Amino acid sequence: MKRIVTVMILCFFVGSLYAQKQEKEKVKTTIIQFFEAFHAKDTAQLKTFCHPKMLMQSIAEKSTTATVTADGVASFMKSIASIPAGMAFKEELKGFHIQVNGAIAHAWTPYVFSVNGKVSHTGINAFTFVKNADTWQIVHLIDTRKK
């Protein structure tokens, strides 16, 4: 009887770990697709990854002070749409640290941001996601920016 209970507990634990790994992969895929749309300046596609009440914040770090700015989805989309056609930019992600618990996920992604092939700044993106049906949407995105 003890063996049966032990096997059942192990099966539940392994199944739970597998399900969590799958959700982490879905969050990672969402981040990758978000940045593909970002680099393509595709605001229609970008919107699909953003919860309607998403908040975006940036922390500009300069010597001993930090300045925080905030925007919503509409402002973010407007800024992406206004990027000049000749401007090339790339946010290269340097890793993924993802945690999932039920309908909430958090991801931490270090990055290097380049404009026209030259490094502009580096930092960390910290995403908070909510899961609706089988889709992960960004509800909060805050990043740091260091020159």
C-alpha atoms as a PDB file:
ATOM      1  CA  MET A   1       0.000   0.000   0.000  1.00  0.00           C
ATOM      2  CA  LYS A   2       2.869   2.367   0.851  1.00  0.00           C
ATOM      3  CA  ARG A   3       4.396   1.743  -2.567  1.00  0.00           C
ATOM      4  CA  ILE A   4       1.155   2.583  -4.334  1.00  0.00           C
ATOM      5  CA  VAL A   5       0.800   5.842  -2.398  1.00  0.00           C
ATOM      6  CA  THR A   6       4.459   6.694  -3.042  1.00  0.00           C
ATOM      7  CA  VAL A   7       4.087   6.003  -6.780  1.00  0.00           C
ATOM      8  CA  MET A   8       0.905   8.108  -6.924  1.00  0.00           C
ATOM      9  CA  ILE A   9       2.620  11.016  -5.153  1.00  0.00           C
ATOM     10  CA  LEU A  10       5.618  10.736  -7.481  1.00  0.00           C
ATOM     11  CA  CYS A  11       3.368  10.678 -10.563  1.00  0.00           C
ATOM     12  CA  PHE A  12       1.495  13.747  -9.336  1.00  0.00           C
ATOM     13  CA  PHE A  13       4.769  15.580  -8.579  1.00  0.00           C
ATOM     14  CA  VAL A  14       6.357  14.709 -11.941  1.00  0.00           C
ATOM     15  CA  GLY A  15       3.151  15.656 -13.788  1.00  0.00           C
ATOM     16  CA  SER A  16       3.023  18.960 -11.954  1.00  0.00           C
ATOM     17  CA  LEU A  17       6.656  19.735 -12.814  1.00  0.00           C
ATOM     18  CA  TYR A  18       6.030  18.851 -16.462  1.00  0.00           C
ATOM     19  CA  ALA A  19       2.951  21.116 -16.607  1.00  0.00           C
ATOM     20  CA  GLN A  20       4.894  23.986 -15.039  1.00  0.00           C
ATOM     21  CA  LYS A  21       7.750  23.493 -17.527  1.00  0.00           C
ATOM     22  CA  GLN A  22       5.230  23.666 -20.383  1.00  0.00           C
ATOM     23  CA  GLU A  23       3.794  26.928 -19.020  1.00  0.00           C
ATOM     24  CA  LYS A  24       7.286  28.407 -18.671  1.00  0.00           C
ATOM     25  CA  GLU A  25       7.908  27.551 -22.332  1.00  0.00           C
ATOM     26  CA  LYS A  26       4.638  29.264 -23.315  1.00  0.00           C
ATOM     27  CA  VAL A  27       5.693  32.398 -21.413  1.00  0.00           C
ATOM     28  CA  LYS A  28       9.113  32.315 -23.099  1.00  0.00           C
ATOM     29  CA  THR A  29       7.467  31.922 -26.520  1.00  0.00           C
ATOM     30  CA  THR A  30       5.199  34.892 -25.756  1.00  0.00           C
ATOM     31  CA  ILE A  31       8.245  37.037 -24.908  1.00  0.00           C
ATOM     32  CA  ILE A  32      10.077  35.998 -28.080  1.00  0.00           C
ATOM     33  CA  GLN A  33       7.020  36.703 -30.244  1.00  0.00           C
ATOM     34  CA  PHE A  34       6.476  40.043 -28.479  1.00  0.00           C
ATOM     35  CA  PHE A  35       9.998  41.131 -29.415  1.00  0.00           C
ATOM     36  CA  GLU A  36       9.654  39.860 -32.986  1.00  0.00           C
ATOM     37  CA  ALA A  37       6.575  42.091 -33.366  1.00  0.00           C
ATOM     38  CA  PHE A  38       8.421  44.924 -31.584  1.00  0.00           C
ATOM     39  CA  HIS A  39      11.365  44.764 -33.992  1.00  0.00           C
ATOM     40  CA  ALA A  40       8.947  44.624 -36.944  1.00  0.00           C
ATOM     41  CA  LYS A  41       7.098  47.679 -35.517  1.00  0.00           C
ATOM     42  CA  ASP A  42       3.901  45.627 -35.886  1.00  0.00           C
ATOM     43  CA  THR A  43       1.548  47.347 -33.435  1.00  0.00           C
ATOM     44  CA  ALA A  44      -1.410  45.102 -34.340  1.00  0.00           C
ATOM     45  CA  GLN A  45       0.589  41.995 -33.412  1.00  0.00           C
ATOM     46  CA  LEU A  46       2.117  43.668 -30.341  1.00  0.00           C
ATOM     47  CA  LYS A  47      -1.346  44.419 -28.966  1.00  0.00           C
ATOM     48  CA  THR A  48      -2.181  40.712 -28.897  1.00  0.00           C
ATOM     49  CA  PHE A  49       0.492  40.152 -26.240  1.00  0.00           C
ATOM     50  CA  CYS A  50      -0.644  43.055 -24.045  1.00  0.00           C
ATOM     51  CA  HIS A  51      -3.470  42.953 -21.533  1.00  0.00           C
ATOM     52  CA  PRO A  52      -5.746  45.997 -22.093  1.00  0.00           C
ATOM     53  CA  LYS A  53      -4.770  47.324 -18.636  1.00  0.00           C
ATOM     54  CA  MET A  54      -1.046  46.737 -19.116  1.00  0.00           C
ATOM     55  CA  LEU A  55       1.291  49.200 -17.417  1.00  0.00           C
ATOM     56  CA  MET A  56       4.771  49.862 -18.753  1.00  0.00           C
ATOM     57  CA  GLN A  57       7.455  51.511 -16.673  1.00  0.00           C
ATOM     58  CA  SER A  58      11.115  52.310 -17.221  1.00  0.00           C
ATOM     59  CA  ILE A  59      13.811  53.102 -14.724  1.00  0.00           C
ATOM     60  CA  ALA A  60      16.628  55.238 -16.123  1.00  0.00           C
ATOM     61  CA  GLU A  61      19.683  54.772 -13.941  1.00  0.00           C
ATOM     62  CA  LYS A  62      22.164  57.639 -13.819  1.00  0.00           C
ATOM     63  CA  SER A  63      24.953  57.599 -11.216  1.00  0.00           C
ATOM     64  CA  THR A  64      23.088  57.777  -7.890  1.00  0.00           C
ATOM     65  CA  THR A  65      19.572  58.598  -9.103  1.00  0.00           C
ATOM     66  CA  ALA A  66      16.838  56.621 -10.804  1.00  0.00           C
ATOM     67  CA  THR A  67      14.013  58.177 -12.782  1.00  0.00           C
ATOM     68  CA  VAL A  68      10.785  56.239 -13.297  1.00  0.00           C
ATOM     69  CA  THR A  69       8.482  56.843 -16.269  1.00  0.00           C
ATOM     70  CA  ALA A  70       5.158  55.103 -16.944  1.00  0.00           C
ATOM     71  CA  ASP A  71       2.927  54.470 -19.985  1.00  0.00           C
ATOM     72  CA  GLY A  72      -0.107  52.425 -20.920  1.00  0.00           C
ATOM     73  CA  VAL A  73      -0.784  50.278 -23.971  1.00  0.00           C
ATOM     74  CA  ALA A  74      -2.072  53.141 -26.176  1.00  0.00           C
ATOM     75  CA  SER A  75       0.969  55.316 -25.510  1.00  0.00           C
ATOM     76  CA  PHE A  76       3.321  52.394 -26.161  1.00  0.00           C
ATOM     77  CA  MET A  77       1.637  51.587 -29.478  1.00  0.00           C
ATOM     78  CA  LYS A  78       1.789  55.232 -30.526  1.00  0.00           C
ATOM     79  CA  SER A  79       5.527  55.397 -29.753  1.00  0.00           C
ATOM     80  CA  ILE A  80       6.194  52.217 -31.782  1.00  0.00           C
ATOM     81  CA  ALA A  81       4.154  53.536 -34.737  1.00  0.00           C
ATOM     82  CA  SER A  82       6.166  56.776 -34.702  1.00  0.00           C
ATOM     83  CA  ILE A  83       9.582  55.117 -35.104  1.00  0.00           C
ATOM     84  CA  PRO A  84      11.129  56.304 -38.385  1.00  0.00           C
ATOM     85  CA  ALA A  85      11.184  53.690 -41.150  1.00  0.00           C
ATOM     86  CA  GLY A  86      14.970  54.001 -41.554  1.00  0.00           C
ATOM     87  CA  MET A  87      15.717  53.358 -37.884  1.00  0.00           C
ATOM     88  CA  ALA A  88      16.875  49.838 -37.120  1.00  0.00           C
ATOM     89  CA  PHE A  89      16.716  48.693 -33.516  1.00  0.00           C
ATOM     90  CA  LYS A  90      17.237  45.389 -31.755  1.00  0.00           C
ATOM     91  CA  GLU A  91      16.664  44.315 -28.187  1.00  0.00           C
ATOM     92  CA  GLU A  92      18.817  41.228 -27.757  1.00  0.00           C
ATOM     93  CA  LEU A  93      17.697  39.122 -24.811  1.00  0.00           C
ATOM     94  CA  LYS A  94      20.524  37.532 -22.833  1.00  0.00           C
ATOM     95  CA  GLY A  95      18.523  34.975 -20.881  1.00  0.00           C
ATOM     96  CA  PHE A  96      15.204  34.018 -19.362  1.00  0.00           C
ATOM     97  CA  HIS A  97      14.368  33.559 -15.689  1.00  0.00           C
ATOM     98  CA  ILE A  98      10.704  32.522 -15.543  1.00  0.00           C
ATOM     99  CA  GLN A  99       8.433  31.607 -12.636  1.00  0.00           C
ATOM    100  CA  VAL A 100       4.849  30.394 -12.997  1.00  0.00           C
ATOM    101  CA  ASN A 101       2.139  29.836 -10.419  1.00  0.00           C
ATOM    102  CA  GLY A 102      -1.362  29.228 -11.695  1.00  0.00           C
ATOM    103  CA  ALA A 103      -2.580  32.223 -13.708  1.00  0.00           C
ATOM    104  CA  ILE A 104       0.413  34.455 -12.908  1.00  0.00           C
ATOM    105  CA  ALA A 105       3.925  34.366 -14.294  1.00  0.00           C
ATOM    106  CA  HIS A 106       6.982  36.533 -13.885  1.00  0.00           C
ATOM    107  CA  ALA A 107       9.926  36.717 -16.267  1.00  0.00           C
ATOM    108  CA  TRP A 108      13.251  38.488 -15.882  1.00  0.00           C
ATOM    109  CA  THR A 109      15.223  39.034 -19.108  1.00  0.00           C
ATOM    110  CA  PRO A 110      18.579  40.838 -19.254  1.00  0.00           C
ATOM    111  CA  TYR A 111      19.046  42.656 -22.571  1.00  0.00           C
ATOM    112  CA  VAL A 112      21.277  44.799 -24.785  1.00  0.00           C
ATOM    113  CA  PHE A 113      19.485  47.432 -26.884  1.00  0.00           C
ATOM    114  CA  SER A 114      21.088  48.630 -30.129  1.00  0.00           C
ATOM    115  CA  VAL A 115      20.054  51.368 -32.543  1.00  0.00           C
ATOM    116  CA  ASN A 116      21.430  51.239 -36.089  1.00  0.00           C
ATOM    117  CA  GLY A 117      23.962  48.634 -34.999  1.00  0.00           C
ATOM    118  CA  LYS A 118      25.359  50.582 -32.012  1.00  0.00           C
ATOM    119  CA  VAL A 119      24.661  49.724 -28.375  1.00  0.00           C
ATOM    120  CA  SER A 120      22.343  52.332 -26.890  1.00  0.00           C
ATOM    121  CA  HIS A 121      21.817  50.858 -23.424  1.00  0.00           C
ATOM    122  CA  THR A 122      21.545  47.671 -21.389  1.00  0.00           C
ATOM    123  CA  GLY A 123      19.212  46.568 -18.661  1.00  0.00           C
ATOM    124  CA  ILE A 124      16.694  44.106 -17.329  1.00  0.00           C
ATOM    125  CA  ASN A 125      13.079  43.570 -18.397  1.00  0.00           C
ATOM    126  CA  ALA A 126      10.750  42.350 -15.653  1.00  0.00           C
ATOM    127  CA  PHE A 127       7.455  41.051 -17.055  1.00  0.00           C
ATOM    128  CA  THR A 128       4.341  40.065 -15.141  1.00  0.00           C
ATOM    129  CA  PHE A 129       1.854  37.944 -17.067  1.00  0.00           C
ATOM    130  CA  VAL A 130      -1.707  36.796 -16.529  1.00  0.00           C
ATOM    131  CA  LYS A 131      -3.083  33.683 -18.182  1.00  0.00           C
ATOM    132  CA  ASN A 132      -6.463  34.019 -19.894  1.00  0.00           C
ATOM    133  CA  ALA A 133      -7.729  30.744 -21.365  1.00  0.00           C
ATOM    134  CA  ASP A 134      -4.508  29.356 -22.869  1.00  0.00           C
ATOM    135  CA  THR A 135      -2.887  32.732 -23.599  1.00  0.00           C
ATOM    136  CA  TRP A 136      -0.314  34.591 -21.507  1.00  0.00           C
ATOM    137  CA  GLN A 137      -0.683  38.386 -21.651  1.00  0.00           C
ATOM    138  CA  ILE A 138       1.633  41.047 -20.273  1.00  0.00           C
ATOM    139  CA  VAL A 139       0.001  43.037 -17.471  1.00  0.00           C
ATOM    140  CA  HIS A 140       3.146  44.810 -16.316  1.00  0.00           C
ATOM    141  CA  LEU A 141       6.503  45.449 -17.908  1.00  0.00           C
ATOM    142  CA  ILE A 142       9.207  47.392 -16.141  1.00  0.00           C
ATOM    143  CA  ASP A 143      12.753  47.728 -17.368  1.00  0.00           C
ATOM    144  CA  THR A 144      16.001  49.296 -16.277  1.00  0.00           C
ATOM    145  CA  ARG A 145      18.144  51.325 -18.652  1.00  0.00           C
ATOM    146  CA  LYS A 146      21.855  51.926 -18.183  1.00  0.00           C
ATOM    147  CA  LYS A 147      24.007  53.759 -20.708  1.00  0.00           C
END
